[in-house]
Structure formats: structure tokens, C-alpha cells
Amino acid sequence: MAEALLLLPDFLLILSGFLLCRYTPLGRSLWEGVERLVYFVLFPVLLFTTIARSPLDLASDLPLMGAGLSVTLLGAALALSLGLFPGVARAHHAAGAQAGFRFNSFVALALADRLGGPAGVASMALIIAVTVPVANVAAVWPMARHGEQGLWKELVRNPLIVATVSGLFANAVGLQLPDVLQVTGQRMGAAALALGLMAVGAGLRLGALGDAPRLAAALLTIRHGLLPAFALLVVLAWVPLPPAQQAVLIAFAAMPTASSAYVLAVRMGSEAAYVAGLVTVSTGLAMLGMPLWLMALRAQA
């Protein structure tokens, strides 16, 4: 029960974004601007300031980063391999495969904050640091032939990667931001979490899942069944992590797929409506399933 209540404020923010977008004059065009503001400005500031000021200990952080990377690599391998099966619609697979392994960073950081405060956010930021490049490569690669942007150009200009690498560099060299900039960054970070979750709700729609329902079911099974189960196995049997980091890893593995997956599909000329449906169903499954996976972890403690 505690885990379900832990997610309730975030769920209510997502629901408020959905209701505001559908039933008030604050329509989709406004929320598209909010998404760009969060993705290109507020969220990178949150990542940079969190990583730059957090004490990093590679001896204790590397196992967590490695575990997070293993979850993403497994998801990418399984999702991309679905394209090898006969009868799979190639265009829908190229666009939708990313739903099997990408994750919603807005939800991830908001939940990490609730699980462990600033330390939890820092742990999740480290996972994001190593998984975002891998997830972006695996997401862009199947669609590259349909898009106008090259693979490496997409990665170099990704604001999440830039902010994470910059934060790690600032931390390594001991850069100390003035107090006024630290406070400003903290407030922008708080705005990023709230607005990001509301933007997720505003973007929810079922789209065209009926065009390839079996593929959708397989991708969502990977995202919300196999990956959390694998992460639970990792923390219980393979990688000794502190309890707080265990919870962060399980939450990461059970995340809904990235809302920006739809934006990427649009930009690269792929089946965007299909991806929108995957994002919508994935968000609902995560809100139901994530508390159960956290409870499963607690039951094994």
C-alpha cells in the first residue's frame, strides 16, 4: 500500500495534464511548448545540477550503473529481435521497438526523488547517464533510413546526454556553482519534474495500436514484465546493491516508455500514431505495475 501511495502524487500530476489538455482551453499546442521547455531547458538543468553537486563514489556507483545498463541492453536486444520474426510489420516495428526499452526520464526522476530524496535522484541520474546514449542509439537505428537526421548527429545534440556529461565533468573537476545559481537550478529542477509529468498526461492517446496488436503486446510485455523481473533477479542474486539503490533500479526497470518516443517517430517519419498508443498504454501499465514490483522487492528484504 505504501508503494501505491508513493506514486499517487505523480499519477495525479499526469492525470491533471490529461484533463487540462482535453477539457480546457489549454490544448495540445500549449503542451507541445511545455514539452520542449522541459526537454531542452528545465530537465537538462536538473540533471546537471544534481550530478554536479552529488558526491560520487565509483566503487559504489559503478555496480548500479552497470545493472541499469544491463536492463537497457536486454530490453533493446529483445525488442529489436522481434523484427526477425515472420509476419511482423516492419514499419511498425522500426518505430515501436523503442517502447520496449526506452524509459520516461520525467517519471524516473520524480519517483527517485520520492524514493530517496536528492540521493535517489543522483542514483537515477547516474543510470540515465549510461543508458540514455544506448537507448537513443537503439531507438534511432531502426528508423534511421526513414529520417533526415544521421544517427550520431541525433546523439550529439541530445540535451540529456549533454547535460549528464557536463555534470559529470563539473563534478570531477570540483566545480562549485555560486549559491544563487544552485538555488535557481533547484527551482528549475522542481519545475521540470512537475511540468514533465503533466506533459506526459497531456500527450496520452491510444493512436493506432490495432494496426499491429501482437507486436504491441510483445513490446509491452518486455517493458513491464521481463525487464522488472530481470532487475529483481539482478539485485537479489547477482549484484549486491544498498537497499536504496535496489529500489531505484527496480523503479527504473518498471518505468513507462519515454514520451519523447512519439516525438522521435514524428521527426524520423515513422509510425507516430502507433508509438503514441504504445506510450499511452505503457504509462497506464507502469502506474499499476510499479508499486507491485517495489512491493516484491520489499517482500524479499
C-alpha atoms as a PDB file:
ATOM      1  CA  MET A   1       0.000   0.000   0.000  1.00  0.00           C
ATOM      2  CA  ALA A   2       2.809   2.420   0.829  1.00  0.00           C
ATOM      3  CA  GLU A   3       4.310   1.933  -2.631  1.00  0.00           C
ATOM      4  CA  ALA A   4       0.990   2.709  -4.320  1.00  0.00           C
ATOM      5  CA  LEU A   5       0.570   5.874  -2.272  1.00  0.00           C
ATOM      6  CA  LEU A   6       4.156   6.803  -3.125  1.00  0.00           C
ATOM      7  CA  LEU A   7       3.165   7.028  -6.788  1.00  0.00           C
ATOM      8  CA  LEU A   8      -0.183   8.731  -6.219  1.00  0.00           C
ATOM      9  CA  PRO A   9       1.086  12.353  -6.411  1.00  0.00           C
ATOM     10  CA  ASP A  10       2.882  11.629  -9.688  1.00  0.00           C
ATOM     11  CA  PHE A  11      -0.181   9.860 -11.077  1.00  0.00           C
ATOM     12  CA  LEU A  12      -2.343  12.856 -10.133  1.00  0.00           C
ATOM     13  CA  LEU A  13       0.041  15.191 -11.966  1.00  0.00           C
ATOM     14  CA  ILE A  14      -0.200  13.001 -15.076  1.00  0.00           C
ATOM     15  CA  LEU A  15      -3.998  12.925 -14.742  1.00  0.00           C
ATOM     16  CA  SER A  16      -4.150  16.701 -14.324  1.00  0.00           C
ATOM     17  CA  GLY A  17      -2.159  17.181 -17.522  1.00  0.00           C
ATOM     18  CA  PHE A  18      -4.525  14.836 -19.365  1.00  0.00           C
ATOM     19  CA  LEU A  19      -7.638  16.643 -18.093  1.00  0.00           C
ATOM     20  CA  LEU A  20      -6.268  20.128 -18.737  1.00  0.00           C
ATOM     21  CA  CYS A  21      -5.308  19.214 -22.292  1.00  0.00           C
ATOM     22  CA  ARG A  22      -8.612  17.519 -23.123  1.00  0.00           C
ATOM     23  CA  TYR A  23     -11.179  19.650 -21.330  1.00  0.00           C
ATOM     24  CA  THR A  24      -9.823  23.203 -21.034  1.00  0.00           C
ATOM     25  CA  PRO A  25      -8.561  25.836 -23.488  1.00  0.00           C
ATOM     26  CA  LEU A  26      -5.029  24.706 -22.561  1.00  0.00           C
ATOM     27  CA  GLY A  27      -4.870  22.423 -25.583  1.00  0.00           C
ATOM     28  CA  ARG A  28      -2.229  20.344 -27.287  1.00  0.00           C
ATOM     29  CA  SER A  29      -0.383  23.279 -28.854  1.00  0.00           C
ATOM     30  CA  LEU A  30       0.400  24.715 -25.406  1.00  0.00           C
ATOM     31  CA  TRP A  31       1.654  21.373 -24.090  1.00  0.00           C
ATOM     32  CA  GLU A  32       3.925  20.873 -27.067  1.00  0.00           C
ATOM     33  CA  GLY A  33       5.679  24.073 -25.976  1.00  0.00           C
ATOM     34  CA  VAL A  34       5.828  22.817 -22.385  1.00  0.00           C
ATOM     35  CA  GLU A  35       7.409  19.555 -23.571  1.00  0.00           C
ATOM     36  CA  ARG A  36      10.110  21.461 -25.457  1.00  0.00           C
ATOM     37  CA  LEU A  37      10.763  23.741 -22.460  1.00  0.00           C
ATOM     38  CA  VAL A  38      11.147  20.778 -20.105  1.00  0.00           C
ATOM     39  CA  TYR A  39      13.150  18.630 -22.510  1.00  0.00           C
ATOM     40  CA  PHE A  40      15.583  21.268 -23.735  1.00  0.00           C
ATOM     41  CA  VAL A  41      15.908  23.582 -20.695  1.00  0.00           C
ATOM     42  CA  LEU A  42      14.448  22.564 -17.341  1.00  0.00           C
ATOM     43  CA  PHE A  43      15.263  18.872 -17.401  1.00  0.00           C
ATOM     44  CA  PRO A  44      18.914  19.327 -18.509  1.00  0.00           C
ATOM     45  CA  VAL A  45      19.354  21.893 -15.722  1.00  0.00           C
ATOM     46  CA  LEU A  46      18.006  19.357 -13.217  1.00  0.00           C
ATOM     47  CA  LEU A  47      20.394  16.672 -14.451  1.00  0.00           C
ATOM     48  CA  PHE A  48      23.409  18.982 -14.483  1.00  0.00           C
ATOM     49  CA  THR A  49      22.868  20.481 -11.023  1.00  0.00           C
ATOM     50  CA  THR A  50      22.017  17.114  -9.445  1.00  0.00           C
ATOM     51  CA  ILE A  51      25.058  15.318 -10.815  1.00  0.00           C
ATOM     52  CA  ALA A  52      27.440  18.252 -10.376  1.00  0.00           C
ATOM     53  CA  ARG A  53      26.772  18.618  -6.652  1.00  0.00           C
ATOM     54  CA  SER A  54      26.255  14.961  -5.704  1.00  0.00           C
ATOM     55  CA  PRO A  55      29.155  13.073  -4.092  1.00  0.00           C
ATOM     56  CA  LEU A  56      30.160  10.314  -6.496  1.00  0.00           C
ATOM     57  CA  ASP A  57      31.915   7.157  -5.384  1.00  0.00           C
ATOM     58  CA  LEU A  58      32.736   4.973  -8.375  1.00  0.00           C
ATOM     59  CA  ALA A  59      33.343   1.945  -6.177  1.00  0.00           C
ATOM     60  CA  SER A  60      29.708   2.037  -5.024  1.00  0.00           C
ATOM     61  CA  ASP A  61      28.127   3.676  -8.083  1.00  0.00           C
ATOM     62  CA  LEU A  62      29.589   1.503 -10.850  1.00  0.00           C
ATOM     63  CA  PRO A  63      27.582  -1.621  -9.877  1.00  0.00           C
ATOM     64  CA  LEU A  64      24.366   0.412 -10.019  1.00  0.00           C
ATOM     65  CA  MET A  65      25.293   1.932 -13.381  1.00  0.00           C
ATOM     66  CA  GLY A  66      26.239  -1.489 -14.732  1.00  0.00           C
ATOM     67  CA  ALA A  67      22.970  -3.009 -13.529  1.00  0.00           C
ATOM     68  CA  GLY A  68      20.951  -0.227 -15.136  1.00  0.00           C
ATOM     69  CA  LEU A  69      22.878  -0.622 -18.376  1.00  0.00           C
ATOM     70  CA  SER A  70      22.255  -4.380 -18.384  1.00  0.00           C
ATOM     71  CA  VAL A  71      18.491  -3.771 -18.075  1.00  0.00           C
ATOM     72  CA  THR A  72      18.524  -1.420 -21.073  1.00  0.00           C
ATOM     73  CA  LEU A  73      20.720  -3.691 -23.183  1.00  0.00           C
ATOM     74  CA  LEU A  74      18.465  -6.670 -22.519  1.00  0.00           C
ATOM     75  CA  GLY A  75      15.380  -4.651 -23.414  1.00  0.00           C
ATOM     76  CA  ALA A  76      16.967  -3.373 -26.631  1.00  0.00           C
ATOM     77  CA  ALA A  77      18.106  -6.860 -27.652  1.00  0.00           C
ATOM     78  CA  LEU A  78      14.669  -8.381 -27.060  1.00  0.00           C
ATOM     79  CA  ALA A  79      12.717  -5.547 -28.684  1.00  0.00           C
ATOM     80  CA  LEU A  80      14.918  -5.328 -31.774  1.00  0.00           C
ATOM     81  CA  SER A  81      14.930  -9.123 -32.200  1.00  0.00           C
ATOM     82  CA  LEU A  82      11.152  -9.084 -32.669  1.00  0.00           C
ATOM     83  CA  GLY A  83      11.767  -7.717 -36.142  1.00  0.00           C
ATOM     84  CA  LEU A  84      13.287 -11.056 -37.139  1.00  0.00           C
ATOM     85  CA  PHE A  85      10.012 -12.931 -36.685  1.00  0.00           C
ATOM     86  CA  PRO A  86       7.864 -13.561 -39.767  1.00  0.00           C
ATOM     87  CA  GLY A  87       4.681 -11.533 -40.037  1.00  0.00           C
ATOM     88  CA  VAL A  88       5.961  -8.559 -38.055  1.00  0.00           C
ATOM     89  CA  ALA A  89       5.094  -5.267 -39.752  1.00  0.00           C
ATOM     90  CA  ARG A  90       8.483  -3.727 -40.461  1.00  0.00           C
ATOM     91  CA  ALA A  91       7.395  -0.077 -40.350  1.00  0.00           C
ATOM     92  CA  HIS A  92       5.554  -0.538 -37.050  1.00  0.00           C
ATOM     93  CA  HIS A  93       8.473  -2.455 -35.555  1.00  0.00           C
ATOM     94  CA  ALA A  94      11.003   0.191 -36.636  1.00  0.00           C
ATOM     95  CA  ALA A  95       9.011   2.887 -34.861  1.00  0.00           C
ATOM     96  CA  GLY A  96       7.660   0.888 -31.927  1.00  0.00           C
ATOM     97  CA  ALA A  97      10.709  -1.160 -30.877  1.00  0.00           C
ATOM     98  CA  GLN A  98      11.883   1.754 -28.712  1.00  0.00           C
ATOM     99  CA  ALA A  99       8.847   1.254 -26.464  1.00  0.00           C
ATOM    100  CA  GLY A 100      10.388  -1.998 -25.252  1.00  0.00           C
ATOM    101  CA  PHE A 101      13.475  -0.418 -23.695  1.00  0.00           C
ATOM    102  CA  ARG A 102      13.280   3.390 -23.522  1.00  0.00           C
ATOM    103  CA  PHE A 103      12.088   4.971 -20.281  1.00  0.00           C
ATOM    104  CA  ASN A 104      10.360   8.162 -19.224  1.00  0.00           C
ATOM    105  CA  SER A 105      13.026  10.251 -17.541  1.00  0.00           C
ATOM    106  CA  PHE A 106      10.463  12.688 -16.105  1.00  0.00           C
ATOM    107  CA  VAL A 107       8.737   9.900 -14.190  1.00  0.00           C
ATOM    108  CA  ALA A 108      12.075   8.285 -13.297  1.00  0.00           C
ATOM    109  CA  LEU A 109      13.484  11.344 -11.565  1.00  0.00           C
ATOM    110  CA  ALA A 110      10.199  12.256  -9.892  1.00  0.00           C
ATOM    111  CA  LEU A 111       9.881   8.761  -8.429  1.00  0.00           C
ATOM    112  CA  ALA A 112      13.567   8.627  -7.471  1.00  0.00           C
ATOM    113  CA  ASP A 113      13.059  11.842  -5.515  1.00  0.00           C
ATOM    114  CA  ARG A 114      10.209  10.203  -3.608  1.00  0.00           C
ATOM    115  CA  LEU A 115      12.146   7.002  -3.030  1.00  0.00           C
ATOM    116  CA  GLY A 116      15.391   8.537  -1.813  1.00  0.00           C
ATOM    117  CA  GLY A 117      15.369  12.338  -1.973  1.00  0.00           C
ATOM    118  CA  PRO A 118      18.431  14.001  -3.539  1.00  0.00           C
ATOM    119  CA  ALA A 119      20.465  10.802  -3.157  1.00  0.00           C
ATOM    120  CA  GLY A 120      17.791   8.893  -5.046  1.00  0.00           C
ATOM    121  CA  VAL A 121      17.757  11.498  -7.815  1.00  0.00           C
ATOM    122  CA  ALA A 122      21.549  11.300  -8.057  1.00  0.00           C
ATOM    123  CA  SER A 123      21.402   7.497  -8.334  1.00  0.00           C
ATOM    124  CA  MET A 124      18.767   7.672 -11.059  1.00  0.00           C
ATOM    125  CA  ALA A 125      20.766  10.367 -12.852  1.00  0.00           C
ATOM    126  CA  LEU A 126      23.770   8.042 -12.969  1.00  0.00           C
ATOM    127  CA  ILE A 127      21.644   5.301 -14.516  1.00  0.00           C
ATOM    128  CA  ILE A 128      20.348   7.833 -17.031  1.00  0.00           C
ATOM    129  CA  ALA A 129      23.934   8.845 -17.787  1.00  0.00           C
ATOM    130  CA  VAL A 130      24.883   5.392 -19.043  1.00  0.00           C
ATOM    131  CA  THR A 131      21.568   4.271 -20.526  1.00  0.00           C
ATOM    132  CA  VAL A 132      20.374   7.316 -22.492  1.00  0.00           C
ATOM    133  CA  PRO A 133      23.126   7.024 -25.150  1.00  0.00           C
ATOM    134  CA  VAL A 134      22.496   3.284 -25.556  1.00  0.00           C
ATOM    135  CA  ALA A 135      18.721   3.703 -25.661  1.00  0.00           C
ATOM    136  CA  ASN A 136      18.977   6.511 -28.220  1.00  0.00           C
ATOM    137  CA  VAL A 137      21.277   4.511 -30.496  1.00  0.00           C
ATOM    138  CA  ALA A 138      18.952   1.508 -30.342  1.00  0.00           C
ATOM    139  CA  ALA A 139      15.868   3.688 -30.930  1.00  0.00           C
ATOM    140  CA  VAL A 140      17.263   5.744 -33.807  1.00  0.00           C
ATOM    141  CA  TRP A 141      18.976   2.903 -35.663  1.00  0.00           C
ATOM    142  CA  PRO A 142      15.828   1.096 -36.946  1.00  0.00           C
ATOM    143  CA  MET A 143      14.311   4.407 -38.096  1.00  0.00           C
ATOM    144  CA  ALA A 144      17.465   5.969 -39.497  1.00  0.00           C
ATOM    145  CA  ARG A 145      16.572   5.126 -43.077  1.00  0.00           C
ATOM    146  CA  HIS A 146      13.275   6.997 -42.706  1.00  0.00           C
ATOM    147  CA  GLY A 147      14.656  10.151 -41.106  1.00  0.00           C
ATOM    148  CA  GLU A 148      16.510  13.178 -42.310  1.00  0.00           C
ATOM    149  CA  GLN A 149      18.950  13.202 -39.374  1.00  0.00           C
ATOM    150  CA  GLY A 150      22.014  10.987 -39.016  1.00  0.00           C
ATOM    151  CA  LEU A 151      22.427   8.705 -36.028  1.00  0.00           C
ATOM    152  CA  TRP A 152      25.437  10.435 -34.467  1.00  0.00           C
ATOM    153  CA  LYS A 153      24.014  13.895 -35.048  1.00  0.00           C
ATOM    154  CA  GLU A 154      20.924  12.852 -33.096  1.00  0.00           C
ATOM    155  CA  LEU A 155      23.082  11.668 -30.199  1.00  0.00           C
ATOM    156  CA  VAL A 156      25.469  14.625 -30.030  1.00  0.00           C
ATOM    157  CA  ARG A 157      22.622  17.123 -29.851  1.00  0.00           C
ATOM    158  CA  ASN A 158      20.600  15.157 -27.275  1.00  0.00           C
ATOM    159  CA  PRO A 159      20.185  17.556 -24.312  1.00  0.00           C
ATOM    160  CA  LEU A 160      20.052  14.733 -21.767  1.00  0.00           C
ATOM    161  CA  ILE A 161      23.417  13.386 -22.863  1.00  0.00           C
ATOM    162  CA  VAL A 162      24.978  16.856 -22.978  1.00  0.00           C
ATOM    163  CA  ALA A 163      23.694  17.761 -19.503  1.00  0.00           C
ATOM    164  CA  THR A 164      24.766  14.454 -17.985  1.00  0.00           C
ATOM    165  CA  VAL A 165      28.284  14.546 -19.420  1.00  0.00           C
ATOM    166  CA  SER A 166      28.664  18.204 -18.405  1.00  0.00           C
ATOM    167  CA  GLY A 167      27.500  17.410 -14.868  1.00  0.00           C
ATOM    168  CA  LEU A 168      29.951  14.538 -14.544  1.00  0.00           C
ATOM    169  CA  PHE A 169      32.777  16.767 -15.770  1.00  0.00           C
ATOM    170  CA  ALA A 170      31.840  19.555 -13.338  1.00  0.00           C
ATOM    171  CA  ASN A 171      31.743  17.037 -10.502  1.00  0.00           C
ATOM    172  CA  ALA A 172      35.115  15.551 -11.472  1.00  0.00           C
ATOM    173  CA  VAL A 173      36.885  18.937 -11.534  1.00  0.00           C
ATOM    174  CA  GLY A 174      35.205  20.106  -8.328  1.00  0.00           C
ATOM    175  CA  LEU A 175      33.283  22.989  -9.904  1.00  0.00           C
ATOM    176  CA  GLN A 176      31.278  24.875  -7.281  1.00  0.00           C
ATOM    177  CA  LEU A 177      28.335  26.894  -8.539  1.00  0.00           C
ATOM    178  CA  PRO A 178      27.521  30.172  -6.757  1.00  0.00           C
ATOM    179  CA  ASP A 179      24.670  29.881  -4.264  1.00  0.00           C
ATOM    180  CA  VAL A 180      22.332  31.937  -6.415  1.00  0.00           C
ATOM    181  CA  LEU A 181      22.832  29.574  -9.375  1.00  0.00           C
ATOM    182  CA  GLN A 182      22.393  26.495  -7.182  1.00  0.00           C
ATOM    183  CA  VAL A 183      19.083  27.792  -5.827  1.00  0.00           C
ATOM    184  CA  THR A 184      17.952  28.742  -9.316  1.00  0.00           C
ATOM    185  CA  GLY A 185      18.869  25.303 -10.601  1.00  0.00           C
ATOM    186  CA  GLN A 186      16.979  23.599  -7.766  1.00  0.00           C
ATOM    187  CA  ARG A 187      13.842  25.592  -8.517  1.00  0.00           C
ATOM    188  CA  MET A 188      14.099  24.893 -12.236  1.00  0.00           C
ATOM    189  CA  GLY A 189      14.540  21.216 -11.404  1.00  0.00           C
ATOM    190  CA  ALA A 190      11.386  21.189  -9.270  1.00  0.00           C
ATOM    191  CA  ALA A 191       9.504  22.797 -12.150  1.00  0.00           C
ATOM    192  CA  ALA A 192      10.892  20.173 -14.546  1.00  0.00           C
ATOM    193  CA  LEU A 193       9.502  17.290 -12.504  1.00  0.00           C
ATOM    194  CA  ALA A 194       6.002  18.736 -12.154  1.00  0.00           C
ATOM    195  CA  LEU A 195       5.667  20.080 -15.684  1.00  0.00           C
ATOM    196  CA  GLY A 196       7.254  16.976 -17.166  1.00  0.00           C
ATOM    197  CA  LEU A 197       4.692  14.686 -15.544  1.00  0.00           C
ATOM    198  CA  MET A 198       1.818  16.949 -16.601  1.00  0.00           C
ATOM    199  CA  ALA A 199       3.156  16.942 -20.163  1.00  0.00           C
ATOM    200  CA  VAL A 200       3.159  13.127 -20.099  1.00  0.00           C
ATOM    201  CA  GLY A 201      -0.553  13.212 -19.264  1.00  0.00           C
ATOM    202  CA  ALA A 202      -1.286  15.784 -21.941  1.00  0.00           C
ATOM    203  CA  GLY A 203       0.280  13.534 -24.584  1.00  0.00           C
ATOM    204  CA  LEU A 204      -1.670  10.369 -23.790  1.00  0.00           C
ATOM    205  CA  ARG A 205      -3.691   8.834 -26.646  1.00  0.00           C
ATOM    206  CA  LEU A 206      -4.313   5.315 -27.911  1.00  0.00           C
ATOM    207  CA  GLY A 207      -3.452   6.008 -31.534  1.00  0.00           C
ATOM    208  CA  ALA A 208      -3.287   3.045 -33.919  1.00  0.00           C
ATOM    209  CA  LEU A 209      -2.340   0.050 -31.768  1.00  0.00           C
ATOM    210  CA  GLY A 210      -4.868  -2.052 -33.668  1.00  0.00           C
ATOM    211  CA  ASP A 211      -2.597  -1.960 -36.719  1.00  0.00           C
ATOM    212  CA  ALA A 212      -0.124  -4.371 -35.067  1.00  0.00           C
ATOM    213  CA  PRO A 213      -1.622  -5.592 -31.769  1.00  0.00           C
ATOM    214  CA  ARG A 214       0.581  -8.656 -31.269  1.00  0.00           C
ATOM    215  CA  LEU A 215       3.729  -6.603 -31.713  1.00  0.00           C
ATOM    216  CA  ALA A 216       2.396  -4.066 -29.210  1.00  0.00           C
ATOM    217  CA  ALA A 217       1.648  -6.836 -26.696  1.00  0.00           C
ATOM    218  CA  ALA A 218       5.160  -8.265 -27.090  1.00  0.00           C
ATOM    219  CA  LEU A 219       6.856  -4.885 -26.664  1.00  0.00           C
ATOM    220  CA  LEU A 220       4.808  -4.001 -23.589  1.00  0.00           C
ATOM    221  CA  THR A 221       5.490  -7.428 -22.080  1.00  0.00           C
ATOM    222  CA  ILE A 222       9.208  -6.769 -22.441  1.00  0.00           C
ATOM    223  CA  ARG A 223       8.931  -3.278 -20.954  1.00  0.00           C
ATOM    224  CA  HIS A 224       6.666  -4.096 -17.997  1.00  0.00           C
ATOM    225  CA  GLY A 225       7.185  -7.803 -17.386  1.00  0.00           C
ATOM    226  CA  LEU A 226      10.574  -9.099 -18.419  1.00  0.00           C
ATOM    227  CA  LEU A 227      12.719  -6.068 -17.560  1.00  0.00           C
ATOM    228  CA  PRO A 228      11.423  -5.546 -13.988  1.00  0.00           C
ATOM    229  CA  ALA A 229      11.705  -9.295 -13.373  1.00  0.00           C
ATOM    230  CA  PHE A 230      15.276  -9.254 -14.661  1.00  0.00           C
ATOM    231  CA  ALA A 231      16.138  -6.259 -12.439  1.00  0.00           C
ATOM    232  CA  LEU A 232      14.695  -8.045  -9.420  1.00  0.00           C
ATOM    233  CA  LEU A 233      16.837 -11.079 -10.213  1.00  0.00           C
ATOM    234  CA  VAL A 234      19.903  -8.831 -10.589  1.00  0.00           C
ATOM    235  CA  VAL A 235      19.549  -7.187  -7.169  1.00  0.00           C
ATOM    236  CA  LEU A 236      18.630 -10.407  -5.359  1.00  0.00           C
ATOM    237  CA  ALA A 237      21.143 -12.797  -6.901  1.00  0.00           C
ATOM    238  CA  TRP A 238      23.903 -11.071  -8.855  1.00  0.00           C
ATOM    239  CA  VAL A 239      24.751  -7.501  -7.898  1.00  0.00           C
ATOM    240  CA  PRO A 240      24.932  -6.502  -4.219  1.00  0.00           C
ATOM    241  CA  LEU A 241      23.409  -3.027  -4.007  1.00  0.00           C
ATOM    242  CA  PRO A 242      22.360  -0.983  -0.966  1.00  0.00           C
ATOM    243  CA  PRO A 243      18.583  -1.093  -0.333  1.00  0.00           C
ATOM    244  CA  ALA A 244      18.053   2.466  -1.604  1.00  0.00           C
ATOM    245  CA  GLN A 245      19.820   1.699  -4.880  1.00  0.00           C
ATOM    246  CA  GLN A 246      17.889  -1.560  -5.225  1.00  0.00           C
ATOM    247  CA  ALA A 247      14.624   0.376  -5.131  1.00  0.00           C
ATOM    248  CA  VAL A 248      15.912   2.883  -7.678  1.00  0.00           C
ATOM    249  CA  LEU A 249      16.948   0.094 -10.061  1.00  0.00           C
ATOM    250  CA  ILE A 250      13.586  -1.687  -9.785  1.00  0.00           C
ATOM    251  CA  ALA A 251      11.777   1.611 -10.375  1.00  0.00           C
ATOM    252  CA  PHE A 252      13.964   2.284 -13.406  1.00  0.00           C
ATOM    253  CA  ALA A 253      13.228  -1.162 -14.869  1.00  0.00           C
ATOM    254  CA  ALA A 254       9.465  -0.681 -14.394  1.00  0.00           C
ATOM    255  CA  MET A 255       9.317   2.808 -15.923  1.00  0.00           C
ATOM    256  CA  PRO A 256       6.811   3.703 -18.643  1.00  0.00           C
ATOM    257  CA  THR A 257       8.377   4.173 -22.036  1.00  0.00           C
ATOM    258  CA  ALA A 258       9.633   7.643 -22.966  1.00  0.00           C
ATOM    259  CA  SER A 259       7.003  10.153 -24.064  1.00  0.00           C
ATOM    260  CA  SER A 260       9.664  11.570 -26.385  1.00  0.00           C
ATOM    261  CA  ALA A 261       9.462   8.304 -28.360  1.00  0.00           C
ATOM    262  CA  TYR A 262       6.481   9.838 -30.157  1.00  0.00           C
ATOM    263  CA  VAL A 263       8.463  12.994 -30.950  1.00  0.00           C
ATOM    264  CA  LEU A 264      11.321  10.903 -32.342  1.00  0.00           C
ATOM    265  CA  ALA A 265       8.943   8.858 -34.500  1.00  0.00           C
ATOM    266  CA  VAL A 266       7.402  12.040 -35.930  1.00  0.00           C
ATOM    267  CA  ARG A 267      10.791  13.577 -36.641  1.00  0.00           C
ATOM    268  CA  MET A 268      12.028  10.459 -38.404  1.00  0.00           C
ATOM    269  CA  GLY A 269       8.902   9.893 -40.477  1.00  0.00           C
ATOM    270  CA  SER A 270       7.851   6.624 -38.831  1.00  0.00           C
ATOM    271  CA  GLU A 271       4.524   5.296 -37.486  1.00  0.00           C
ATOM    272  CA  ALA A 272       3.997   8.047 -34.890  1.00  0.00           C
ATOM    273  CA  ALA A 273       0.339   7.237 -34.122  1.00  0.00           C
ATOM    274  CA  TYR A 274       1.324   3.672 -33.272  1.00  0.00           C
ATOM    275  CA  VAL A 275       4.060   4.901 -30.936  1.00  0.00           C
ATOM    276  CA  ALA A 276       1.615   7.303 -29.255  1.00  0.00           C
ATOM    277  CA  GLY A 277      -0.606   4.351 -28.430  1.00  0.00           C
ATOM    278  CA  LEU A 278       2.319   2.390 -27.009  1.00  0.00           C
ATOM    279  CA  VAL A 279       3.311   5.342 -24.798  1.00  0.00           C
ATOM    280  CA  THR A 280      -0.250   5.692 -23.512  1.00  0.00           C
ATOM    281  CA  VAL A 281      -0.735   2.027 -22.608  1.00  0.00           C
ATOM    282  CA  SER A 282       2.798   1.819 -21.186  1.00  0.00           C
ATOM    283  CA  THR A 283       2.118   4.742 -18.849  1.00  0.00           C
ATOM    284  CA  GLY A 284      -1.013   3.057 -17.524  1.00  0.00           C
ATOM    285  CA  LEU A 285       0.743  -0.280 -17.055  1.00  0.00           C
ATOM    286  CA  ALA A 286       3.613   1.371 -15.189  1.00  0.00           C
ATOM    287  CA  MET A 287       1.293   3.166 -12.786  1.00  0.00           C
ATOM    288  CA  LEU A 288      -0.313  -0.187 -11.945  1.00  0.00           C
ATOM    289  CA  GLY A 289       2.753  -2.400 -12.058  1.00  0.00           C
ATOM    290  CA  MET A 290       5.486  -0.306 -10.474  1.00  0.00           C
ATOM    291  CA  PRO A 291       4.067  -0.486  -6.924  1.00  0.00           C
ATOM    292  CA  LEU A 292       3.778  -4.269  -7.305  1.00  0.00           C
ATOM    293  CA  TRP A 293       7.432  -4.639  -8.311  1.00  0.00           C
ATOM    294  CA  LEU A 294       8.540  -2.411  -5.417  1.00  0.00           C
ATOM    295  CA  MET A 295       6.434  -4.490  -3.053  1.00  0.00           C
ATOM    296  CA  ALA A 296       8.008  -7.653  -4.474  1.00  0.00           C
ATOM    297  CA  LEU A 297      11.429  -6.201  -3.703  1.00  0.00           C
ATOM    298  CA  ARG A 298      10.406  -5.324  -0.161  1.00  0.00           C
ATOM    299  CA  ALA A 299       8.995  -8.801   0.386  1.00  0.00           C
ATOM    300  CA  GLN A 300      12.416 -10.286  -0.389  1.00  0.00           C
ATOM    301  CA  ALA A 301      14.271  -7.973   2.010  1.00  0.00           C
END
